[in-house]
Amino acid sequence: DTDIYHFIDGLHAALPGRVRLQQMVIEKNGNGTP
């Protein structure tokens, strides 16, 4: 999940103008293999 948070934070810095998160859903997907 930290990769996801870094990605969203990075979009705020990388994209021109202003980016505002409207909705975010994180769901489990897979068998939990590290």
PDB file of all heavy atoms in Angstrom:
ATOM      1  N   ASP A   1       0.820  -1.205   0.000  1.00  0.00           N
ATOM      2  CA  ASP A   1       0.000   0.000   0.000  1.00  0.00           C
ATOM      3  C   ASP A   1       0.865   1.272   0.000  1.00  0.00           C
ATOM      4  O   ASP A   1       0.469   2.299  -0.523  1.00  0.00           O
ATOM      5  CB  ASP A   1      -0.982   0.005   1.175  1.00  0.00           C
ATOM      6  CG  ASP A   1      -0.285  -0.063   2.528  1.00  0.00           C
ATOM      7  OD1 ASP A   1       0.923  -0.337   2.573  1.00  0.00           O
ATOM      8  OD2 ASP A   1      -0.976   0.157   3.537  1.00  0.00           O
ATOM      9  N   THR A   2       2.082   1.186   0.570  1.00  0.00           N
ATOM     10  CA  THR A   2       2.971   2.359   0.549  1.00  0.00           C
ATOM     11  C   THR A   2       3.369   2.735  -0.879  1.00  0.00           C
ATOM     12  O   THR A   2       3.562   3.917  -1.180  1.00  0.00           O
ATOM     13  CB  THR A   2       4.239   2.094   1.397  1.00  0.00           C
ATOM     14  OG1 THR A   2       4.849   0.871   0.962  1.00  0.00           O
ATOM     15  CG2 THR A   2       3.887   2.017   2.872  1.00  0.00           C
ATOM     16  N   ASP A   3       3.472   1.740  -1.774  1.00  0.00           N
ATOM     17  CA  ASP A   3       3.757   2.039  -3.185  1.00  0.00           C
ATOM     18  C   ASP A   3       2.619   2.880  -3.782  1.00  0.00           C
ATOM     19  O   ASP A   3       2.856   3.809  -4.548  1.00  0.00           O
ATOM     20  CB  ASP A   3       3.908   0.743  -3.996  1.00  0.00           C
ATOM     21  CG  ASP A   3       5.135  -0.060  -3.581  1.00  0.00           C
ATOM     22  OD1 ASP A   3       6.076   0.545  -3.018  1.00  0.00           O
ATOM     23  OD2 ASP A   3       5.141  -1.277  -3.820  1.00  0.00           O
ATOM     24  N   ILE A   4       1.393   2.545  -3.409  1.00  0.00           N
ATOM     25  CA  ILE A   4       0.228   3.284  -3.915  1.00  0.00           C
ATOM     26  C   ILE A   4       0.254   4.717  -3.406  1.00  0.00           C
ATOM     27  O   ILE A   4       0.048   5.668  -4.161  1.00  0.00           O
ATOM     28  CB  ILE A   4      -1.078   2.564  -3.505  1.00  0.00           C
ATOM     29  CG1 ILE A   4      -1.180   1.216  -4.236  1.00  0.00           C
ATOM     30  CG2 ILE A   4      -2.295   3.443  -3.794  1.00  0.00           C
ATOM     31  CD1 ILE A   4      -2.312   0.337  -3.768  1.00  0.00           C
ATOM     32  N   TYR A   5       0.530   4.887  -2.107  1.00  0.00           N
ATOM     33  CA  TYR A   5       0.558   6.241  -1.540  1.00  0.00           C
ATOM     34  C   TYR A   5       1.672   7.081  -2.165  1.00  0.00           C
ATOM     35  O   TYR A   5       1.478   8.266  -2.441  1.00  0.00           O
ATOM     36  CB  TYR A   5       0.710   6.177  -0.009  1.00  0.00           C
ATOM     37  CG  TYR A   5      -0.422   5.439   0.668  1.00  0.00           C
ATOM     38  CD1 TYR A   5      -0.169   4.509   1.664  1.00  0.00           C
ATOM     39  CD2 TYR A   5      -1.746   5.666   0.303  1.00  0.00           C
ATOM     40  CE1 TYR A   5      -1.207   3.822   2.290  1.00  0.00           C
ATOM     41  CE2 TYR A   5      -2.786   4.988   0.919  1.00  0.00           C
ATOM     42  CZ  TYR A   5      -2.513   4.069   1.907  1.00  0.00           C
ATOM     43  OH  TYR A   5      -3.552   3.400   2.506  1.00  0.00           O
ATOM     44  N   HIS A   6       2.829   6.464  -2.394  1.00  0.00           N
ATOM     45  CA  HIS A   6       3.935   7.183  -3.053  1.00  0.00           C
ATOM     46  C   HIS A   6       3.541   7.579  -4.482  1.00  0.00           C
ATOM     47  O   HIS A   6       3.892   8.666  -4.955  1.00  0.00           O
ATOM     48  CB  HIS A   6       5.212   6.343  -3.075  1.00  0.00           C
ATOM     49  CG  HIS A   6       5.879   6.218  -1.742  1.00  0.00           C
ATOM     50  ND1 HIS A   6       6.203   7.288  -0.953  1.00  0.00           N
ATOM     51  CD2 HIS A   6       6.284   5.117  -1.051  1.00  0.00           C
ATOM     52  CE1 HIS A   6       6.772   6.874   0.157  1.00  0.00           C
ATOM     53  NE2 HIS A   6       6.827   5.550   0.132  1.00  0.00           N
ATOM     54  N   PHE A   7       2.824   6.699  -5.152  1.00  0.00           N
ATOM     55  CA  PHE A   7       2.380   6.991  -6.518  1.00  0.00           C
ATOM     56  C   PHE A   7       1.442   8.205  -6.543  1.00  0.00           C
ATOM     57  O   PHE A   7       1.630   9.136  -7.325  1.00  0.00           O
ATOM     58  CB  PHE A   7       1.675   5.768  -7.112  1.00  0.00           C
ATOM     59  CG  PHE A   7       0.967   6.052  -8.399  1.00  0.00           C
ATOM     60  CD1 PHE A   7       1.668   6.266  -9.577  1.00  0.00           C
ATOM     61  CD2 PHE A   7      -0.428   6.116  -8.442  1.00  0.00           C
ATOM     62  CE1 PHE A   7       1.008   6.529 -10.770  1.00  0.00           C
ATOM     63  CE2 PHE A   7      -1.093   6.382  -9.624  1.00  0.00           C
ATOM     64  CZ  PHE A   7      -0.370   6.590 -10.786  1.00  0.00           C
ATOM     65  N   ILE A   8       0.445   8.203  -5.647  1.00  0.00           N
ATOM     66  CA  ILE A   8      -0.516   9.316  -5.613  1.00  0.00           C
ATOM     67  C   ILE A   8       0.192  10.622  -5.248  1.00  0.00           C
ATOM     68  O   ILE A   8      -0.026  11.667  -5.873  1.00  0.00           O
ATOM     69  CB  ILE A   8      -1.672   9.019  -4.631  1.00  0.00           C
ATOM     70  CG1 ILE A   8      -2.487   7.804  -5.101  1.00  0.00           C
ATOM     71  CG2 ILE A   8      -2.568  10.234  -4.457  1.00  0.00           C
ATOM     72  CD1 ILE A   8      -3.239   7.998  -6.396  1.00  0.00           C
ATOM     73  N   ASP A   9       1.066  10.575  -4.242  1.00  0.00           N
ATOM     74  CA  ASP A   9       1.823  11.776  -3.866  1.00  0.00           C
ATOM     75  C   ASP A   9       2.688  12.258  -5.024  1.00  0.00           C
ATOM     76  O   ASP A   9       2.816  13.458  -5.265  1.00  0.00           O
ATOM     77  CB  ASP A   9       2.714  11.502  -2.643  1.00  0.00           C
ATOM     78  CG  ASP A   9       1.914  11.428  -1.354  1.00  0.00           C
ATOM     79  OD1 ASP A   9       0.759  11.915  -1.338  1.00  0.00           O
ATOM     80  OD2 ASP A   9       2.438  10.878  -0.363  1.00  0.00           O
ATOM     81  N   GLY A  10       3.285  11.319  -5.738  1.00  0.00           N
ATOM     82  CA  GLY A  10       4.139  11.678  -6.872  1.00  0.00           C
ATOM     83  C   GLY A  10       3.368  12.359  -7.990  1.00  0.00           C
ATOM     84  O   GLY A  10       3.900  13.250  -8.664  1.00  0.00           O
ATOM     85  N   LEU A  11       2.115  11.957  -8.193  1.00  0.00           N
ATOM     86  CA  LEU A  11       1.296  12.605  -9.225  1.00  0.00           C
ATOM     87  C   LEU A  11       1.063  14.076  -8.888  1.00  0.00           C
ATOM     88  O   LEU A  11       1.080  14.929  -9.782  1.00  0.00           O
ATOM     89  CB  LEU A  11      -0.059  11.899  -9.376  1.00  0.00           C
ATOM     90  CG  LEU A  11      -0.065  10.551 -10.080  1.00  0.00           C
ATOM     91  CD1 LEU A  11      -1.491  10.040 -10.195  1.00  0.00           C
ATOM     92  CD2 LEU A  11       0.585  10.631 -11.443  1.00  0.00           C
ATOM     93  N   HIS A  12       0.870  14.383  -7.606  1.00  0.00           N
ATOM     94  CA  HIS A  12       0.672  15.777  -7.207  1.00  0.00           C
ATOM     95  C   HIS A  12       1.881  16.628  -7.589  1.00  0.00           C
ATOM     96  O   HIS A  12       1.734  17.777  -7.992  1.00  0.00           O
ATOM     97  CB  HIS A  12       0.430  15.876  -5.693  1.00  0.00           C
ATOM     98  CG  HIS A  12      -0.934  15.422  -5.283  1.00  0.00           C
ATOM     99  ND1 HIS A  12      -1.191  14.131  -4.897  1.00  0.00           N
ATOM    100  CD2 HIS A  12      -2.117  16.084  -5.210  1.00  0.00           C
ATOM    101  CE1 HIS A  12      -2.469  14.010  -4.590  1.00  0.00           C
ATOM    102  NE2 HIS A  12      -3.065  15.178  -4.777  1.00  0.00           N
ATOM    103  N   ALA A  13       3.063  16.070  -7.463  1.00  0.00           N
ATOM    104  CA  ALA A  13       4.286  16.823  -7.767  1.00  0.00           C
ATOM    105  C   ALA A  13       4.610  16.807  -9.256  1.00  0.00           C
ATOM    106  O   ALA A  13       5.145  17.783  -9.784  1.00  0.00           O
ATOM    107  CB  ALA A  13       5.458  16.246  -6.976  1.00  0.00           C
ATOM    108  N   ALA A  14       4.296  15.714  -9.942  1.00  0.00           N
ATOM    109  CA  ALA A  14       4.751  15.550 -11.328  1.00  0.00           C
ATOM    110  C   ALA A  14       3.864  16.250 -12.357  1.00  0.00           C
ATOM    111  O   ALA A  14       4.363  16.794 -13.338  1.00  0.00           O
ATOM    112  CB  ALA A  14       4.838  14.054 -11.673  1.00  0.00           C
ATOM    113  N   LEU A  15       2.562  16.244 -12.133  1.00  0.00           N
ATOM    114  CA  LEU A  15       1.661  16.788 -13.146  1.00  0.00           C
ATOM    115  C   LEU A  15       1.586  18.307 -13.061  1.00  0.00           C
ATOM    116  O   LEU A  15       1.573  18.868 -11.956  1.00  0.00           O
ATOM    117  CB  LEU A  15       0.259  16.198 -13.001  1.00  0.00           C
ATOM    118  CG  LEU A  15       0.127  14.692 -13.215  1.00  0.00           C
ATOM    119  CD1 LEU A  15      -1.334  14.276 -13.185  1.00  0.00           C
ATOM    120  CD2 LEU A  15       0.777  14.244 -14.498  1.00  0.00           C
ATOM    121  N   PRO A  16       1.506  18.982 -14.209  1.00  0.00           N
ATOM    122  CA  PRO A  16       1.346  20.440 -14.187  1.00  0.00           C
ATOM    123  C   PRO A  16      -0.030  20.814 -13.661  1.00  0.00           C
ATOM    124  O   PRO A  16      -0.990  20.066 -13.807  1.00  0.00           O
ATOM    125  CB  PRO A  16       1.507  20.832 -15.662  1.00  0.00           C
ATOM    126  CG  PRO A  16       1.157  19.595 -16.427  1.00  0.00           C
ATOM    127  CD  PRO A  16       1.549  18.438 -15.564  1.00  0.00           C
ATOM    128  N   GLY A  17      -0.113  21.982 -13.047  1.00  0.00           N
ATOM    129  CA  GLY A  17      -1.398  22.417 -12.503  1.00  0.00           C
ATOM    130  C   GLY A  17      -1.627  21.811 -11.133  1.00  0.00           C
ATOM    131  O   GLY A  17      -0.698  21.591 -10.364  1.00  0.00           O
ATOM    132  N   ARG A  18      -2.878  21.516 -10.846  1.00  0.00           N
ATOM    133  CA  ARG A  18      -3.250  21.003  -9.518  1.00  0.00           C
ATOM    134  C   ARG A  18      -4.025  19.709  -9.677  1.00  0.00           C
ATOM    135  O   ARG A  18      -4.957  19.618 -10.476  1.00  0.00           O
ATOM    136  CB  ARG A  18      -4.105  22.036  -8.798  1.00  0.00           C
ATOM    137  CG  ARG A  18      -4.501  21.639  -7.394  1.00  0.00           C
ATOM    138  CD  ARG A  18      -5.273  22.740  -6.725  1.00  0.00           C
ATOM    139  NE  ARG A  18      -4.452  23.907  -6.558  1.00  0.00           N
ATOM    140  CZ  ARG A  18      -3.896  24.285  -5.419  1.00  0.00           C
ATOM    141  NH1 ARG A  18      -4.067  23.555  -4.347  1.00  0.00           N
ATOM    142  NH2 ARG A  18      -3.179  25.368  -5.340  1.00  0.00           N
ATOM    143  N   VAL A  19      -3.631  18.710  -8.901  1.00  0.00           N
ATOM    144  CA  VAL A  19      -4.290  17.405  -8.918  1.00  0.00           C
ATOM    145  C   VAL A  19      -4.931  17.191  -7.551  1.00  0.00           C
ATOM    146  O   VAL A  19      -4.290  17.390  -6.520  1.00  0.00           O
ATOM    147  CB  VAL A  19      -3.278  16.276  -9.207  1.00  0.00           C
ATOM    148  CG1 VAL A  19      -3.962  14.921  -9.139  1.00  0.00           C
ATOM    149  CG2 VAL A  19      -2.635  16.482 -10.573  1.00  0.00           C
ATOM    150  N   ARG A  20      -6.208  16.788  -7.570  1.00  0.00           N
ATOM    151  CA  ARG A  20      -6.915  16.535  -6.317  1.00  0.00           C
ATOM    152  C   ARG A  20      -7.552  15.151  -6.377  1.00  0.00           C
ATOM    153  O   ARG A  20      -8.271  14.827  -7.318  1.00  0.00           O
ATOM    154  CB  ARG A  20      -7.981  17.604  -6.090  1.00  0.00           C
ATOM    155  CG  ARG A  20      -8.656  17.495  -4.740  1.00  0.00           C
ATOM    156  CD  ARG A  20      -9.525  18.671  -4.457  1.00  0.00           C
ATOM    157  NE  ARG A  20     -10.647  18.708  -5.392  1.00  0.00           N
ATOM    158  CZ  ARG A  20     -11.598  19.627  -5.367  1.00  0.00           C
ATOM    159  NH1 ARG A  20     -11.555  20.600  -4.499  1.00  0.00           N
ATOM    160  NH2 ARG A  20     -12.586  19.589  -6.223  1.00  0.00           N
ATOM    161  N   LEU A  21      -7.241  14.354  -5.375  1.00  0.00           N
ATOM    162  CA  LEU A  21      -7.793  12.999  -5.297  1.00  0.00           C
ATOM    163  C   LEU A  21      -9.279  13.075  -4.960  1.00  0.00           C
ATOM    164  O   LEU A  21      -9.676  13.678  -3.972  1.00  0.00           O
ATOM    165  CB  LEU A  21      -7.042  12.203  -4.223  1.00  0.00           C
ATOM    166  CG  LEU A  21      -7.456  10.743  -4.047  1.00  0.00           C
ATOM    167  CD1 LEU A  21      -7.178   9.937  -5.311  1.00  0.00           C
ATOM    168  CD2 LEU A  21      -6.723  10.134  -2.857  1.00  0.00           C
ATOM    169  N   GLN A  22     -10.112  12.458  -5.789  1.00  0.00           N
ATOM    170  CA  GLN A  22     -11.554  12.444  -5.566  1.00  0.00           C
ATOM    171  C   GLN A  22     -11.999  11.156  -4.865  1.00  0.00           C
ATOM    172  O   GLN A  22     -12.851  11.190  -3.995  1.00  0.00           O
ATOM    173  CB  GLN A  22     -12.303  12.562  -6.907  1.00  0.00           C
ATOM    174  CG  GLN A  22     -12.075  13.871  -7.637  1.00  0.00           C
ATOM    175  CD  GLN A  22     -12.692  15.023  -6.893  1.00  0.00           C
ATOM    176  OE1 GLN A  22     -13.872  15.034  -6.613  1.00  0.00           O
ATOM    177  NE2 GLN A  22     -11.878  16.010  -6.555  1.00  0.00           N
ATOM    178  N   GLN A  23     -11.397  10.046  -5.297  1.00  0.00           N
ATOM    179  CA  GLN A  23     -11.799   8.760  -4.738  1.00  0.00           C
ATOM    180  C   GLN A  23     -10.643   7.784  -4.929  1.00  0.00           C
ATOM    181  O   GLN A  23      -9.971   7.788  -5.959  1.00  0.00           O
ATOM    182  CB  GLN A  23     -13.052   8.246  -5.452  1.00  0.00           C
ATOM    183  CG  GLN A  23     -13.530   6.908  -4.938  1.00  0.00           C
ATOM    184  CD  GLN A  23     -14.743   6.408  -5.714  1.00  0.00           C
ATOM    185  OE1 GLN A  23     -15.067   6.923  -6.772  1.00  0.00           O
ATOM    186  NE2 GLN A  23     -15.405   5.401  -5.176  1.00  0.00           N
ATOM    187  N   MET A  24     -10.412   6.944  -3.918  1.00  0.00           N
ATOM    188  CA  MET A  24      -9.377   5.918  -4.033  1.00  0.00           C
ATOM    189  C   MET A  24      -9.858   4.666  -3.308  1.00  0.00           C
ATOM    190  O   MET A  24     -10.324   4.735  -2.169  1.00  0.00           O
ATOM    191  CB  MET A  24      -8.057   6.403  -3.425  1.00  0.00           C
ATOM    192  CG  MET A  24      -6.944   5.376  -3.539  1.00  0.00           C
ATOM    193  SD  MET A  24      -5.307   6.019  -3.101  1.00  0.00           S
ATOM    194  CE  MET A  24      -5.438   6.137  -1.333  1.00  0.00           C
ATOM    195  N   VAL A  25      -9.736   3.532  -3.983  1.00  0.00           N
ATOM    196  CA  VAL A  25     -10.117   2.251  -3.398  1.00  0.00           C
ATOM    197  C   VAL A  25      -8.928   1.311  -3.544  1.00  0.00           C
ATOM    198  O   VAL A  25      -8.358   1.159  -4.624  1.00  0.00           O
ATOM    199  CB  VAL A  25     -11.355   1.644  -4.105  1.00  0.00           C
ATOM    200  CG1 VAL A  25     -11.685   0.274  -3.530  1.00  0.00           C
ATOM    201  CG2 VAL A  25     -12.548   2.581  -3.998  1.00  0.00           C
ATOM    202  N   ILE A  26      -8.535   0.694  -2.406  1.00  0.00           N
ATOM    203  CA  ILE A  26      -7.475  -0.312  -2.411  1.00  0.00           C
ATOM    204  C   ILE A  26      -8.092  -1.613  -1.938  1.00  0.00           C
ATOM    205  O   ILE A  26      -8.656  -1.691  -0.836  1.00  0.00           O
ATOM    206  CB  ILE A  26      -6.304   0.102  -1.483  1.00  0.00           C
ATOM    207  CG1 ILE A  26      -5.727   1.445  -1.928  1.00  0.00           C
ATOM    208  CG2 ILE A  26      -5.225  -0.975  -1.478  1.00  0.00           C
ATOM    209  CD1 ILE A  26      -4.682   2.006  -0.987  1.00  0.00           C
ATOM    210  N   GLU A  27      -7.990  -2.649  -2.779  1.00  0.00           N
ATOM    211  CA  GLU A  27      -8.569  -3.953  -2.455  1.00  0.00           C
ATOM    212  C   GLU A  27      -7.488  -5.020  -2.525  1.00  0.00           C
ATOM    213  O   GLU A  27      -6.521  -4.887  -3.282  1.00  0.00           O
ATOM    214  CB  GLU A  27      -9.673  -4.311  -3.450  1.00  0.00           C
ATOM    215  CG  GLU A  27     -10.838  -3.340  -3.471  1.00  0.00           C
ATOM    216  CD  GLU A  27     -11.825  -3.663  -4.585  1.00  0.00           C
ATOM    217  OE1 GLU A  27     -11.386  -3.732  -5.750  1.00  0.00           O
ATOM    218  OE2 GLU A  27     -13.007  -3.854  -4.268  1.00  0.00           O
ATOM    219  N   LYS A  28      -7.682  -6.087  -1.746  1.00  0.00           N
ATOM    220  CA  LYS A  28      -6.770  -7.228  -1.839  1.00  0.00           C
ATOM    221  C   LYS A  28      -6.986  -7.923  -3.178  1.00  0.00           C
ATOM    222  O   LYS A  28      -8.105  -8.094  -3.627  1.00  0.00           O
ATOM    223  CB  LYS A  28      -7.000  -8.201  -0.690  1.00  0.00           C
ATOM    224  CG  LYS A  28      -6.408  -7.731   0.604  1.00  0.00           C
ATOM    225  CD  LYS A  28      -6.468  -8.843   1.625  1.00  0.00           C
ATOM    226  CE  LYS A  28      -5.670  -8.428   2.840  1.00  0.00           C
ATOM    227  NZ  LYS A  28      -5.560  -9.496   3.825  1.00  0.00           N
ATOM    228  N   ASN A  29      -5.867  -8.345  -3.752  1.00  0.00           N
ATOM    229  CA  ASN A  29      -5.937  -8.968  -5.070  1.00  0.00           C
ATOM    230  C   ASN A  29      -4.821 -10.006  -5.120  1.00  0.00           C
ATOM    231  O   ASN A  29      -3.662  -9.664  -5.259  1.00  0.00           O
ATOM    232  CB  ASN A  29      -5.753  -7.902  -6.157  1.00  0.00           C
ATOM    233  CG  ASN A  29      -5.757  -8.490  -7.546  1.00  0.00           C
ATOM    234  OD1 ASN A  29      -6.367  -9.525  -7.771  1.00  0.00           O
ATOM    235  ND2 ASN A  29      -5.068  -7.842  -8.466  1.00  0.00           N
ATOM    236  N   GLY A  30      -5.102 -11.248  -4.979  1.00  0.00           N
ATOM    237  CA  GLY A  30      -4.062 -12.273  -5.030  1.00  0.00           C
ATOM    238  C   GLY A  30      -4.044 -13.111  -3.782  1.00  0.00           C
ATOM    239  O   GLY A  30      -4.935 -13.060  -2.935  1.00  0.00           O
ATOM    240  N   ASN A  31      -2.959 -13.872  -3.632  1.00  0.00           N
ATOM    241  CA  ASN A  31      -2.894 -14.858  -2.556  1.00  0.00           C
ATOM    242  C   ASN A  31      -2.013 -14.422  -1.389  1.00  0.00           C
ATOM    243  O   ASN A  31      -1.741 -15.210  -0.491  1.00  0.00           O
ATOM    244  CB  ASN A  31      -2.387 -16.198  -3.108  1.00  0.00           C
ATOM    245  CG  ASN A  31      -1.044 -16.035  -3.796  1.00  0.00           C
ATOM    246  OD1 ASN A  31      -0.403 -14.996  -3.677  1.00  0.00           O
ATOM    247  ND2 ASN A  31      -0.620 -17.083  -4.500  1.00  0.00           N
ATOM    248  N   GLY A  32      -1.532 -13.189  -1.386  1.00  0.00           N
ATOM    249  CA  GLY A  32      -0.730 -12.695  -0.272  1.00  0.00           C
ATOM    250  C   GLY A  32       0.726 -13.086  -0.336  1.00  0.00           C
ATOM    251  O   GLY A  32       1.438 -13.008   0.663  1.00  0.00           O
ATOM    252  N   THR A  33       1.216 -13.551  -1.493  1.00  0.00           N
ATOM    253  CA  THR A  33       2.615 -13.907  -1.643  1.00  0.00           C
ATOM    254  C   THR A  33       3.467 -12.645  -1.549  1.00  0.00           C
ATOM    255  O   THR A  33       3.190 -11.673  -2.262  1.00  0.00           O
ATOM    256  CB  THR A  33       2.862 -14.593  -3.013  1.00  0.00           C
ATOM    257  OG1 THR A  33       1.954 -15.676  -3.145  1.00  0.00           O
ATOM    258  CG2 THR A  33       4.291 -15.060  -3.137  1.00  0.00           C
ATOM    259  N   PRO A  34       4.480 -12.602  -0.685  1.00  0.00           N
ATOM    260  CA  PRO A  34       5.318 -11.402  -0.553  1.00  0.00           C
ATOM    261  C   PRO A  34       5.964 -11.023  -1.878  1.00  0.00           C
ATOM    262  O   PRO A  34       6.485 -11.876  -2.599  1.00  0.00           O
ATOM    263  CB  PRO A  34       6.375 -11.816   0.482  1.00  0.00           C
ATOM    264  CG  PRO A  34       5.754 -12.941   1.234  1.00  0.00           C
ATOM    265  CD  PRO A  34       4.865 -13.651   0.256  1.00  0.00           C
TER     266      PRO A  34
END
